[in-house]
Amino acid sequence: MANASVTGGAARSAAPPAQGLFTRQSSGLVRELGIPAATAISLASVAVVNTFINFNAGLSLFNQVDMTLPLLLGAAIWLVAMFAYKYLLEAIPRAGGEYVYLSRIISPALGAMAGIGIAIAFTYILAANANFTATYFPFLLTALGAAFNSSSISDAAGNVTSQTAVAIISVGMLLVVGACSFFPLRRVAQIIMALVIVQLVAFLVLGWLLITHSHQDFVNALGQFSGKSTAYNDILAAAAKNSIPLGVSFTASLLAVPFMVLNYNGVLYSYYVGGELKRPGRTYIWASVISIAVLIVVWVGVWLLMLNTVGLDFMQSQAKLGASDASAYGAITSLQASAGGLGYGLVLSGDPISKILIGIAVPSAELAVDLAFVAVVTRVLFALAFDRLLPISLAKISERSAVPTNAIIVALVGGIVFALLASFLNLANIVANLALFVALIILAGSVAALALPFRRPDLLLKPGMTELPKIGGIPVPALWGAASTVLALIVITLIITPPDVFGAFSFASVATLVIVLGAGPVIYLIARQMRLSRSSIDLRLAMRELPPE
């Protein structure tokens, strides 16, 4: 049972839940996560160092883009969403995220749509992160080979690129994640925080290297690393030969804003473990503010340093050339183009410690993000099962560690299956609209926040209050929800407008999105009919009650 009281909606949920819907009067989850643990989950869900790879991806997808404006606007959009979700968490301080918010505020069917969709998508993301680790394993070996001056380690980088190697590394990582996930969440959060610190140290090391080296130092270092003194200029020349546009376009930078919004995805994810946060509203806000502030400082700071030391024209040329003409790029240098800033740090580093930190940054990030995502997806599965939309066994909580053990097993098995499929098959067309799905989830939460003070004001009213604070006659929570809804709609529009950037609308991708979104309502309708026929319980009415504390 939770060991800390909560305010707002939690206090009003003390009444017994709908008779017969919940199999026990306590969730079994423990409120033991403070601000540091929630911050660790938020930062890990973002995968801090992945932004180096995302910088490179953005430069390759968009012409003449500078990431400074997209980074700042992306952070602002998440800041607005943060306040919208604050009211949701204060009203419904439970595990499950958008599922429990939508099901209690708007409609159980819409909640099921979000919940099942999130469970499927996030399980796939577990696999994608594991595959990502395998993809960058050669970079790790290259960095370690350089650190220990070992040609055998460096040469091994070329032996771990096969499909079988990727599958083995991916599954191995997920097994490690699984072993850690059975510990109490507060212990997992401590592991996550240690991995986040490794990433932040890697950022500091890279920042120091960029500050203490001039542009010419980088040009010379790249030439030495590549065994060709003209490597820097050769990449620029090859880009010119391929007619790659360079420079900055304000329009292109605006179009890249949704890309950077998705780069911040996860920065608010401590709300998914809302049932385990001490003082949920306060803990969530502080964790989110700290996380957004840290990301702005390290991401914008390092980007500006790279502009000064490396040069935007070179970064654009490297990204575009590496994506469009890999053979031409490979003939110039062996530096992995997609490594972006981490690659620049490896080139500039003159000591083994820096090389090791840069090399282990990506594996640390992926291990941390998968630990966080297991916590997130299992709480969604737990919430669905607790409401009897999934087998009740998925809501089983370990008495020793207070974690949903069966849900963890299901998530890991699903992740391993996806990882094996992604290793041997091309799933690009099937998961092409993942970015759109993520944006739709943000929209769903924003709409729930907008509707909250109108449909369920009882969840927000504190003892002694007769009405909610208003501005211009509109409840403040609705204003934040409306602002977040508008911004989410803009992001979705910009995602849909250039489908070649965020994912093509092929039959396979659209069909997958429809199946993922449609599965939830179908499961809900089946479960509702079963409850009505077996126990005369109407889920639509019963699910107005909050799950037990």
Protein backbone atom coordinates (compact mmCIF):
# COMPACT_ATOMS: atom_id res chain seq x y z
CA MET A 1 0.00 0.00 0.00
CA ALA A 2 1.18 3.55 -0.65
CA ASN A 3 3.06 5.04 2.26
CA ALA A 4 2.53 8.71 1.50
CA SER A 5 -0.63 10.74 1.28
CA VAL A 6 -1.56 12.80 -1.74
CA THR A 7 -3.71 15.86 -2.21
CA GLY A 8 -6.45 16.84 -4.59
CA GLY A 9 -8.08 14.02 -6.52
CA ALA A 10 -6.42 11.34 -4.38
CA ALA A 11 -8.11 12.52 -1.23
CA ARG A 12 -11.49 12.42 -2.92
CA SER A 13 -10.93 8.88 -4.19
CA ALA A 14 -10.98 7.36 -0.74
CA ALA A 15 -14.54 6.16 -1.28
CA PRO A 16 -14.81 2.49 -2.16
CA PRO A 17 -14.48 1.83 -5.87
CA ALA A 18 -17.23 0.29 -7.98
CA GLN A 19 -18.16 -2.99 -6.35
CA GLY A 20 -16.73 -5.93 -8.23
CA LEU A 21 -14.52 -4.09 -10.72
CA PHE A 22 -11.32 -4.05 -8.68
CA THR A 23 -10.12 -7.34 -7.24
CA ARG A 24 -8.33 -5.65 -4.34
CA GLN A 25 -8.60 -2.36 -2.48
CA SER A 26 -4.92 -1.46 -2.77
CA SER A 27 -2.87 -1.16 -5.94
CA GLY A 28 0.20 -2.65 -4.27
CA LEU A 29 2.42 0.08 -5.69
CA VAL A 30 4.45 2.10 -3.21
CA ARG A 31 4.86 5.88 -3.20
CA GLU A 32 8.60 6.00 -2.72
CA LEU A 33 9.92 8.04 -5.67
CA GLY A 34 11.12 11.55 -4.91
CA ILE A 35 12.34 14.31 -7.20
CA PRO A 36 15.75 12.72 -7.99
CA ALA A 37 14.16 9.41 -9.03
CA ALA A 38 11.48 11.12 -11.12
CA THR A 39 14.14 13.31 -12.76
CA ALA A 40 16.21 10.24 -13.59
CA ILE A 41 13.22 8.58 -15.29
CA SER A 42 12.45 11.75 -17.26
CA LEU A 43 16.02 12.30 -18.47
CA ALA A 44 16.52 8.62 -19.23
CA SER A 45 13.31 8.48 -21.28
CA VAL A 46 14.77 11.18 -23.54
CA ALA A 47 18.12 9.36 -23.98
CA VAL A 48 20.25 12.46 -23.46
CA VAL A 49 23.18 11.68 -25.78
CA ASN A 50 20.92 10.46 -28.57
CA THR A 51 20.53 14.08 -29.55
CA PHE A 52 23.94 13.84 -31.25
CA ILE A 53 22.53 11.19 -33.53
CA ASN A 54 19.30 13.17 -33.87
CA PHE A 55 21.25 16.29 -34.84
CA ASN A 56 22.81 14.30 -37.64
CA ALA A 57 19.45 12.83 -38.65
CA GLY A 58 17.86 16.27 -38.69
CA LEU A 59 20.65 17.70 -40.82
CA SER A 60 20.27 14.83 -43.27
CA LEU A 61 16.46 15.09 -43.45
CA PHE A 62 16.15 18.87 -43.75
CA ASN A 63 18.00 21.25 -46.07
CA GLN A 64 19.82 24.28 -44.65
CA VAL A 65 18.64 23.84 -41.08
CA ASP A 66 20.16 25.26 -37.90
CA MET A 67 18.98 23.41 -34.78
CA THR A 68 19.13 26.36 -32.37
CA LEU A 69 15.58 27.63 -32.99
CA PRO A 70 13.98 24.15 -33.16
CA LEU A 71 15.64 23.22 -29.86
CA LEU A 72 14.29 26.29 -28.07
CA LEU A 73 10.79 26.11 -29.56
CA GLY A 74 10.62 22.37 -28.90
CA ALA A 75 11.43 22.96 -25.23
CA ALA A 76 8.77 25.69 -25.03
CA ILE A 77 6.11 23.32 -26.40
CA TRP A 78 6.97 20.69 -23.80
CA LEU A 79 6.93 23.35 -21.08
CA VAL A 80 3.31 24.17 -21.94
CA ALA A 81 2.43 20.47 -22.01
CA MET A 82 4.10 20.07 -18.62
CA PHE A 83 1.57 22.39 -16.95
CA ALA A 84 -1.35 20.71 -18.73
CA TYR A 85 -0.23 17.31 -17.45
CA LYS A 86 0.37 18.74 -13.98
CA TYR A 87 -3.38 19.15 -13.50
CA LEU A 88 -4.03 15.65 -14.83
CA LEU A 89 -1.60 14.14 -12.34
CA GLU A 90 -2.94 16.18 -9.43
CA ALA A 91 -6.48 15.08 -10.27
CA ILE A 92 -5.60 11.44 -10.95
CA PRO A 93 -2.34 10.56 -9.17
CA ARG A 94 -2.23 7.00 -10.45
CA ALA A 95 -0.10 4.86 -12.77
CA GLY A 96 -1.06 4.56 -16.42
CA GLY A 97 -0.63 7.98 -18.00
CA GLU A 98 -2.98 8.88 -20.86
CA TYR A 99 -4.94 5.64 -20.42
CA VAL A 100 -6.15 6.45 -16.94
CA TYR A 101 -6.61 10.17 -17.73
CA LEU A 102 -8.75 9.61 -20.83
CA SER A 103 -10.74 6.73 -19.35
CA ARG A 104 -11.73 8.74 -16.24
CA ILE A 105 -12.23 12.13 -17.89
CA ILE A 106 -13.51 11.57 -21.44
CA SER A 107 -14.29 7.96 -22.36
CA PRO A 108 -13.12 4.46 -21.35
CA ALA A 109 -13.03 3.51 -25.05
CA LEU A 110 -10.68 6.40 -25.87
CA GLY A 111 -8.64 5.55 -22.80
CA ALA A 112 -8.32 1.96 -24.01
CA MET A 113 -7.30 3.24 -27.45
CA ALA A 114 -4.46 5.22 -25.89
CA GLY A 115 -3.50 2.54 -23.36
CA ILE A 116 -3.26 -0.41 -25.74
CA GLY A 117 -1.59 1.77 -28.37
CA ILE A 118 1.01 3.00 -25.89
CA ALA A 119 1.67 -0.54 -24.65
CA ILE A 120 2.34 -1.77 -28.20
CA ALA A 121 4.33 1.27 -29.36
CA PHE A 122 6.48 1.50 -26.24
CA THR A 123 7.23 -2.21 -26.37
CA TYR A 124 8.47 -1.70 -29.91
CA ILE A 125 10.56 1.26 -28.71
CA LEU A 126 12.23 -1.08 -26.20
CA ALA A 127 13.38 -3.17 -29.16
CA ALA A 128 14.32 -0.14 -31.25
CA ASN A 129 16.58 1.14 -28.46
CA ALA A 130 18.22 -2.27 -28.16
CA ASN A 131 18.80 -2.36 -31.93
CA PHE A 132 20.16 1.16 -31.68
CA THR A 133 22.77 -0.05 -29.20
CA ALA A 134 23.79 -2.81 -31.61
CA THR A 135 23.99 -0.32 -34.49
CA TYR A 136 26.42 1.88 -32.55
CA PHE A 137 28.42 -1.00 -31.09
CA PRO A 138 31.06 -0.53 -33.83
CA PHE A 139 31.50 3.08 -32.66
CA LEU A 140 32.02 1.81 -29.09
CA LEU A 141 34.72 -0.61 -30.26
CA THR A 142 36.36 2.09 -32.37
CA ALA A 143 36.49 4.39 -29.35
CA LEU A 144 37.83 1.66 -27.06
CA GLY A 145 40.39 0.66 -29.67
CA ALA A 146 41.60 4.25 -29.86
CA ALA A 147 41.61 4.56 -26.05
CA PHE A 148 43.71 1.43 -25.53
CA ASN A 149 45.67 1.83 -28.76
CA SER A 150 44.50 -1.64 -29.78
CA SER A 151 44.06 -2.36 -33.45
CA SER A 152 42.39 -5.70 -32.66
CA ILE A 153 39.58 -3.94 -30.76
CA SER A 154 39.21 -1.36 -33.52
CA ASP A 155 39.17 -4.06 -36.19
CA ALA A 156 36.48 -5.94 -34.27
CA ALA A 157 34.13 -3.06 -35.06
CA GLY A 158 33.76 -4.48 -38.54
CA ASN A 159 32.74 -7.89 -37.20
CA VAL A 160 29.63 -6.85 -35.28
CA THR A 161 27.56 -5.41 -38.10
CA SER A 162 25.87 -8.59 -39.36
CA GLN A 163 22.19 -9.26 -38.74
CA THR A 164 23.05 -12.08 -36.35
CA ALA A 165 25.42 -9.87 -34.37
CA VAL A 166 22.79 -7.13 -34.14
CA ALA A 167 20.22 -9.66 -32.92
CA ILE A 168 22.56 -11.10 -30.28
CA ILE A 169 23.56 -7.68 -28.94
CA SER A 170 19.94 -6.49 -28.91
CA VAL A 171 18.61 -9.52 -27.06
CA GLY A 172 21.55 -9.46 -24.66
CA MET A 173 20.82 -5.87 -23.76
CA LEU A 174 17.12 -6.57 -23.19
CA LEU A 175 18.00 -9.46 -20.88
CA VAL A 176 20.20 -7.13 -18.83
CA VAL A 177 17.36 -4.61 -18.71
CA GLY A 178 15.00 -7.37 -17.60
CA ALA A 179 17.29 -8.51 -14.80
CA CYS A 180 17.49 -4.96 -13.44
CA SER A 181 13.76 -4.27 -13.79
CA PHE A 182 12.77 -6.80 -11.13
CA PHE A 183 14.41 -4.67 -8.44
CA PRO A 184 12.25 -2.08 -6.63
CA LEU A 185 11.68 0.95 -8.84
CA ARG A 186 13.57 3.22 -6.46
CA ARG A 187 16.67 1.01 -7.00
CA VAL A 188 16.12 0.98 -10.75
CA ALA A 189 15.87 4.77 -10.64
CA GLN A 190 19.25 4.89 -8.89
CA ILE A 191 20.78 2.77 -11.66
CA ILE A 192 19.16 5.03 -14.23
CA MET A 193 20.53 8.13 -12.52
CA ALA A 194 24.06 6.69 -12.62
CA LEU A 195 23.69 6.04 -16.35
CA VAL A 196 22.31 9.56 -16.90
CA ILE A 197 25.31 10.99 -15.06
CA VAL A 198 27.62 9.08 -17.43
CA GLN A 199 25.83 10.74 -20.35
CA LEU A 200 26.05 14.20 -18.81
CA VAL A 201 29.75 13.71 -18.11
CA ALA A 202 30.20 12.73 -21.77
CA PHE A 203 28.48 16.00 -22.70
CA LEU A 204 30.79 17.96 -20.41
CA VAL A 205 33.83 16.21 -21.87
CA LEU A 206 32.70 17.01 -25.39
CA GLY A 207 31.96 20.60 -24.43
CA TRP A 208 35.43 20.95 -22.94
CA LEU A 209 37.04 19.49 -26.05
CA LEU A 210 35.12 21.89 -28.28
CA ILE A 211 35.98 24.89 -26.08
CA THR A 212 39.69 24.08 -25.87
CA HIS A 213 40.19 23.37 -29.58
CA SER A 214 39.99 25.76 -32.49
CA HIS A 215 38.36 25.16 -35.84
CA GLN A 216 41.77 24.47 -37.38
CA ASP A 217 42.51 21.99 -34.60
CA PHE A 218 39.42 20.04 -35.63
CA VAL A 219 40.37 20.16 -39.31
CA ASN A 220 43.82 18.81 -38.47
CA ALA A 221 42.46 16.18 -36.05
CA LEU A 222 39.97 14.88 -38.61
CA GLY A 223 42.76 14.62 -41.16
CA GLN A 224 44.92 12.66 -38.74
CA PHE A 225 42.04 10.36 -37.73
CA SER A 226 41.16 9.71 -41.38
CA GLY A 227 44.75 9.26 -42.55
CA LYS A 228 44.14 12.02 -45.06
CA SER A 229 45.05 15.62 -44.23
CA THR A 230 42.44 16.98 -46.66
CA ALA A 231 39.52 14.98 -45.22
CA TYR A 232 37.62 18.05 -43.99
CA ASN A 233 37.77 19.87 -47.33
CA ASP A 234 37.20 16.63 -49.24
CA ILE A 235 33.86 16.16 -47.49
CA LEU A 236 32.85 19.72 -48.37
CA ALA A 237 33.94 19.16 -51.98
CA ALA A 238 32.01 15.89 -52.21
CA ALA A 239 28.92 17.64 -50.86
CA ALA A 240 29.28 20.36 -53.49
CA LYS A 241 29.65 17.70 -56.18
CA ASN A 242 26.40 16.13 -54.97
CA SER A 243 24.70 19.56 -55.03
CA ILE A 244 23.98 19.46 -51.30
CA PRO A 245 22.52 22.85 -50.24
CA LEU A 246 24.38 24.52 -47.38
CA GLY A 247 23.64 27.50 -45.16
CA VAL A 248 20.61 28.45 -43.05
CA SER A 249 16.96 28.73 -44.06
CA PHE A 250 14.52 30.13 -41.50
CA THR A 251 11.65 28.20 -43.09
CA ALA A 252 13.59 24.93 -42.93
CA SER A 253 14.39 25.59 -39.27
CA LEU A 254 10.68 26.05 -38.52
CA LEU A 255 9.81 22.84 -40.36
CA ALA A 256 12.35 21.04 -38.17
CA VAL A 257 10.56 22.09 -34.96
CA PRO A 258 8.42 18.89 -34.79
CA PHE A 259 11.62 16.89 -35.20
CA MET A 260 13.08 18.55 -32.12
CA VAL A 261 9.77 18.27 -30.26
CA LEU A 262 10.08 14.51 -30.72
CA ASN A 263 13.71 14.79 -29.61
CA TYR A 264 12.41 15.93 -26.20
CA ASN A 265 9.84 13.12 -26.09
CA GLY A 266 9.99 11.44 -22.70
CA VAL A 267 10.99 14.51 -20.73
CA LEU A 268 7.64 14.44 -18.86
CA TYR A 269 7.31 10.67 -18.53
CA SER A 270 7.48 10.58 -14.74
CA TYR A 271 3.68 10.98 -14.86
CA TYR A 272 3.41 7.37 -16.06
CA VAL A 273 4.59 6.24 -12.63
CA GLY A 274 2.26 8.71 -10.91
CA GLY A 275 1.09 5.99 -8.53
CA GLU A 276 4.60 5.74 -7.09
CA LEU A 277 5.53 9.42 -6.76
CA LYS A 278 5.68 11.07 -3.37
CA ARG A 279 3.57 14.26 -3.48
CA PRO A 280 2.86 13.61 -7.18
CA GLY A 281 2.13 17.14 -8.41
CA ARG A 282 5.16 18.74 -6.77
CA THR A 283 7.52 15.87 -7.60
CA TYR A 284 6.41 15.79 -11.23
CA ILE A 285 6.76 19.55 -11.76
CA TRP A 286 10.22 19.76 -10.23
CA ALA A 287 11.45 16.68 -12.11
CA SER A 288 10.11 18.04 -15.39
CA VAL A 289 11.47 21.56 -14.92
CA ILE A 290 14.90 20.24 -13.95
CA SER A 291 14.93 17.86 -16.92
CA ILE A 292 13.88 20.48 -19.48
CA ALA A 293 16.41 22.98 -18.09
CA VAL A 294 19.25 20.44 -18.18
CA LEU A 295 18.43 19.47 -21.76
CA ILE A 296 18.29 23.09 -22.93
CA VAL A 297 21.66 23.85 -21.36
CA VAL A 298 23.52 20.79 -22.63
CA TRP A 299 21.86 20.48 -26.04
CA VAL A 300 21.83 24.13 -27.05
CA GLY A 301 25.23 24.70 -25.46
CA VAL A 302 26.94 21.84 -27.27
CA TRP A 303 25.21 22.70 -30.56
CA LEU A 304 26.54 26.28 -30.39
CA LEU A 305 30.01 24.97 -29.58
CA MET A 306 29.88 22.61 -32.56
CA LEU A 307 28.86 25.50 -34.81
CA ASN A 308 31.95 27.38 -33.68
CA THR A 309 34.53 24.59 -33.72
CA VAL A 310 33.26 22.21 -36.40
CA GLY A 311 31.19 24.49 -38.62
CA LEU A 312 27.60 24.21 -39.86
CA ASP A 313 28.59 23.70 -43.50
CA PHE A 314 30.70 20.68 -42.56
CA MET A 315 28.01 19.16 -40.33
CA GLN A 316 25.41 19.58 -43.08
CA SER A 317 27.79 18.13 -45.68
CA GLN A 318 28.75 15.17 -43.49
CA ALA A 319 25.13 14.33 -42.61
CA LYS A 320 23.80 14.61 -46.17
CA LEU A 321 26.78 12.85 -47.76
CA GLY A 322 26.75 10.03 -45.21
CA ALA A 323 23.04 9.43 -45.87
CA SER A 324 22.93 9.90 -49.65
CA ASP A 325 26.36 8.71 -50.83
CA ALA A 326 27.85 6.51 -48.12
CA SER A 327 30.51 5.08 -50.46
CA ALA A 328 31.85 8.54 -51.29
CA TYR A 329 31.89 9.46 -47.60
CA GLY A 330 33.54 6.16 -46.62
CA ALA A 331 36.29 6.75 -49.16
CA ILE A 332 37.25 9.92 -47.28
CA THR A 333 37.05 8.90 -43.62
CA SER A 334 36.16 5.97 -41.38
CA LEU A 335 34.46 8.27 -38.85
CA GLN A 336 30.84 7.08 -38.48
CA ALA A 337 28.80 9.93 -39.98
CA SER A 338 25.70 9.32 -37.87
CA ALA A 339 27.70 9.61 -34.63
CA GLY A 340 27.62 13.38 -35.06
CA GLY A 341 29.00 15.22 -32.04
CA LEU A 342 30.26 12.06 -30.38
CA GLY A 343 32.38 11.45 -33.45
CA TYR A 344 33.77 14.98 -33.26
CA GLY A 345 34.69 14.39 -29.64
CA LEU A 346 36.42 11.13 -30.51
CA VAL A 347 38.45 12.91 -33.19
CA LEU A 348 39.50 15.73 -30.84
CA SER A 349 40.17 13.56 -27.79
CA GLY A 350 43.80 13.03 -26.94
CA ASP A 351 43.42 10.93 -23.80
CA PRO A 352 41.96 7.45 -23.21
CA ILE A 353 39.48 8.52 -20.51
CA SER A 354 37.67 10.91 -22.84
CA LYS A 355 37.60 8.30 -25.59
CA ILE A 356 36.11 5.71 -23.22
CA LEU A 357 33.44 8.12 -21.95
CA ILE A 358 32.48 9.08 -25.49
CA GLY A 359 32.43 5.44 -26.56
CA ILE A 360 30.17 4.22 -23.75
CA ALA A 361 27.79 7.20 -23.96
CA VAL A 362 25.36 5.61 -26.43
CA PRO A 363 25.18 2.18 -24.70
CA SER A 364 24.64 3.99 -21.39
CA ALA A 365 21.85 6.05 -22.93
CA GLU A 366 20.08 3.06 -24.44
CA LEU A 367 20.34 0.99 -21.27
CA ALA A 368 18.92 3.90 -19.25
CA VAL A 369 16.09 4.60 -21.68
CA ASP A 370 15.06 0.94 -21.82
CA LEU A 371 15.03 0.70 -18.02
CA ALA A 372 12.81 3.78 -17.94
CA PHE A 373 10.56 2.50 -20.72
CA VAL A 374 10.09 -0.87 -19.00
CA ALA A 375 8.89 1.06 -15.95
CA VAL A 376 6.57 3.13 -18.14
CA VAL A 377 5.07 0.39 -20.30
CA THR A 378 4.57 -2.00 -17.37
CA ARG A 379 2.62 0.67 -15.46
CA VAL A 380 0.35 1.09 -18.47
CA LEU A 381 -0.14 -2.69 -18.67
CA PHE A 382 -0.74 -2.74 -14.91
CA ALA A 383 -3.41 -0.02 -15.16
CA LEU A 384 -5.17 -1.80 -18.04
CA ALA A 385 -5.13 -5.08 -16.14
CA PHE A 386 -6.31 -3.48 -12.90
CA ASP A 387 -9.36 -2.23 -14.81
CA ARG A 388 -9.88 -5.77 -16.15
CA LEU A 389 -9.21 -4.84 -19.80
CA LEU A 390 -6.23 -7.20 -19.83
CA PRO A 391 -5.71 -10.42 -17.83
CA ILE A 392 -5.71 -9.56 -14.14
CA SER A 393 -2.44 -11.48 -13.71
CA LEU A 394 -0.65 -8.51 -15.32
CA ALA A 395 -1.62 -6.44 -12.27
CA LYS A 396 0.12 -8.84 -9.89
CA ILE A 397 2.59 -6.97 -7.67
CA SER A 398 5.63 -8.57 -6.08
CA GLU A 399 5.41 -8.34 -2.29
CA ARG A 400 9.18 -8.07 -2.10
CA SER A 401 9.92 -5.42 -4.72
CA ALA A 402 6.48 -3.83 -5.28
CA VAL A 403 6.77 -4.09 -9.08
CA PRO A 404 4.37 -5.72 -11.58
CA THR A 405 6.43 -8.83 -12.31
CA ASN A 406 4.16 -10.43 -14.90
CA ALA A 407 3.84 -7.16 -16.79
CA ILE A 408 7.64 -6.89 -16.86
CA ILE A 409 7.93 -10.39 -18.32
CA VAL A 410 5.33 -9.63 -21.02
CA ALA A 411 7.02 -6.34 -21.95
CA LEU A 412 10.45 -7.96 -22.22
CA VAL A 413 9.19 -10.91 -24.26
CA GLY A 414 7.45 -8.49 -26.59
CA GLY A 415 10.59 -6.38 -26.82
CA ILE A 416 12.74 -9.41 -27.67
CA VAL A 417 10.30 -10.50 -30.39
CA PHE A 418 10.33 -7.02 -31.92
CA ALA A 419 14.13 -6.87 -31.65
CA LEU A 420 14.55 -10.16 -33.50
CA LEU A 421 12.10 -9.09 -36.19
CA ALA A 422 13.86 -5.74 -36.62
CA SER A 423 17.25 -7.48 -36.84
CA PHE A 424 16.29 -9.74 -39.73
CA LEU A 425 13.41 -7.90 -41.40
CA ASN A 426 12.86 -4.36 -42.64
CA LEU A 427 10.12 -2.90 -40.45
CA ALA A 428 10.58 0.65 -41.73
CA ASN A 429 7.30 0.72 -43.67
CA ILE A 430 5.35 -0.78 -40.78
CA VAL A 431 6.56 1.64 -38.09
CA ALA A 432 6.93 4.68 -40.37
CA ASN A 433 4.20 6.60 -38.52
CA LEU A 434 5.64 6.15 -35.02
CA ALA A 435 6.41 9.88 -34.84
CA LEU A 436 2.78 10.66 -35.68
CA PHE A 437 1.59 8.22 -33.01
CA VAL A 438 3.75 9.91 -30.37
CA ALA A 439 2.33 13.30 -31.36
CA LEU A 440 -1.21 11.91 -31.19
CA ILE A 441 -0.56 10.72 -27.63
CA ILE A 442 0.55 14.23 -26.66
CA LEU A 443 -2.65 15.54 -28.26
CA ALA A 444 -4.75 13.01 -26.33
CA GLY A 445 -3.26 14.08 -23.00
CA SER A 446 -3.71 17.75 -23.88
CA VAL A 447 -7.39 17.23 -24.78
CA ALA A 448 -7.90 15.38 -21.49
CA ALA A 449 -6.41 18.35 -19.62
CA LEU A 450 -8.69 20.72 -21.56
CA ALA A 451 -11.78 18.66 -20.71
CA LEU A 452 -10.82 17.95 -17.08
CA PRO A 453 -12.30 21.06 -15.36
CA PHE A 454 -15.55 20.75 -17.36
CA ARG A 455 -16.18 17.00 -17.20
CA ARG A 456 -14.60 16.11 -13.85
CA PRO A 457 -14.18 19.28 -11.75
CA ASP A 458 -14.72 17.09 -8.67
CA LEU A 459 -11.24 15.64 -9.21
CA LEU A 460 -9.64 19.08 -9.01
CA LEU A 461 -11.64 20.76 -6.26
CA LYS A 462 -9.80 20.66 -2.96
CA PRO A 463 -11.55 20.69 0.43
CA GLY A 464 -13.09 24.10 1.03
CA MET A 465 -13.09 25.08 -2.66
CA THR A 466 -16.36 25.73 -4.47
CA GLU A 467 -14.94 26.56 -7.89
CA LEU A 468 -11.67 26.39 -9.78
CA PRO A 469 -9.42 29.42 -10.37
CA LYS A 470 -10.37 31.15 -13.61
CA ILE A 471 -8.96 33.67 -16.05
CA GLY A 472 -11.51 35.42 -18.22
CA GLY A 473 -14.15 33.03 -16.95
CA ILE A 474 -12.22 29.95 -18.13
CA PRO A 475 -10.71 27.50 -15.60
CA VAL A 476 -6.91 27.76 -15.53
CA PRO A 477 -6.39 24.00 -16.16
CA ALA A 478 -8.50 24.31 -19.32
CA LEU A 479 -6.34 27.19 -20.57
CA TRP A 480 -3.17 25.13 -20.23
CA GLY A 481 -4.91 22.17 -21.85
CA ALA A 482 -6.14 24.35 -24.72
CA ALA A 483 -2.68 25.83 -25.30
CA SER A 484 -1.09 22.39 -25.30
CA THR A 485 -3.81 21.08 -27.64
CA VAL A 486 -3.19 23.85 -30.17
CA LEU A 487 0.57 23.29 -30.09
CA ALA A 488 0.11 19.52 -30.46
CA LEU A 489 -2.15 20.07 -33.48
CA ILE A 490 0.47 22.31 -35.08
CA VAL A 491 3.13 19.65 -34.52
CA ILE A 492 0.87 16.97 -36.03
CA THR A 493 0.17 19.17 -39.05
CA LEU A 494 3.88 19.73 -39.63
CA ILE A 495 4.52 15.99 -39.26
CA ILE A 496 1.86 15.11 -41.82
CA THR A 497 2.84 17.85 -44.29
CA PRO A 498 6.27 16.42 -45.26
CA PRO A 499 5.60 12.65 -44.92
CA ASP A 500 8.92 11.84 -46.57
CA VAL A 501 10.64 13.21 -43.46
CA PHE A 502 8.61 11.69 -40.63
CA GLY A 503 7.36 8.57 -42.39
CA ALA A 504 5.57 7.82 -45.62
CA PHE A 505 1.86 7.05 -45.58
CA SER A 506 2.07 3.65 -47.20
CA PHE A 507 -0.65 1.03 -46.92
CA ALA A 508 1.47 -0.91 -44.40
CA SER A 509 2.18 2.09 -42.16
CA VAL A 510 -1.40 3.40 -42.19
CA ALA A 511 -2.83 -0.08 -41.62
CA THR A 512 -0.48 -0.60 -38.67
CA LEU A 513 -1.50 2.74 -37.15
CA VAL A 514 -5.19 1.91 -37.58
CA ILE A 515 -4.75 -1.54 -36.00
CA VAL A 516 -2.77 -0.15 -33.05
CA LEU A 517 -5.32 2.60 -32.40
CA GLY A 518 -8.33 0.39 -33.09
CA ALA A 519 -7.29 -2.50 -30.86
CA GLY A 520 -8.04 -0.61 -27.64
CA PRO A 521 -11.72 0.19 -28.27
CA VAL A 522 -12.33 -3.37 -29.50
CA ILE A 523 -10.77 -4.83 -26.35
CA TYR A 524 -12.78 -2.41 -24.21
CA LEU A 525 -16.09 -3.32 -25.87
CA ILE A 526 -15.37 -7.04 -25.45
CA ALA A 527 -14.40 -6.58 -21.80
CA ARG A 528 -17.46 -4.42 -21.14
CA GLN A 529 -19.80 -7.00 -22.62
CA MET A 530 -18.15 -9.78 -20.60
CA ARG A 531 -18.52 -7.81 -17.36
CA LEU A 532 -22.17 -7.05 -18.12
CA SER A 533 -23.01 -10.67 -18.87
CA ARG A 534 -21.08 -12.18 -15.96
CA SER A 535 -21.56 -9.69 -13.12
CA SER A 536 -23.86 -6.92 -14.41
CA ILE A 537 -21.01 -4.41 -14.03
CA ASP A 538 -21.05 -1.62 -16.61
CA LEU A 539 -17.42 -0.69 -17.18
CA ARG A 540 -18.40 2.68 -18.62
CA LEU A 541 -19.98 3.66 -15.29
CA ALA A 542 -17.60 1.77 -13.03
CA MET A 543 -14.52 3.37 -14.55
CA ARG A 544 -15.58 6.83 -13.41
CA GLU A 545 -14.06 5.81 -10.09
CA LEU A 546 -10.32 6.15 -9.64
CA PRO A 547 -8.35 2.92 -9.14
CA PRO A 548 -7.50 2.19 -5.49
CA GLU A 549 -4.50 3.95 -3.97
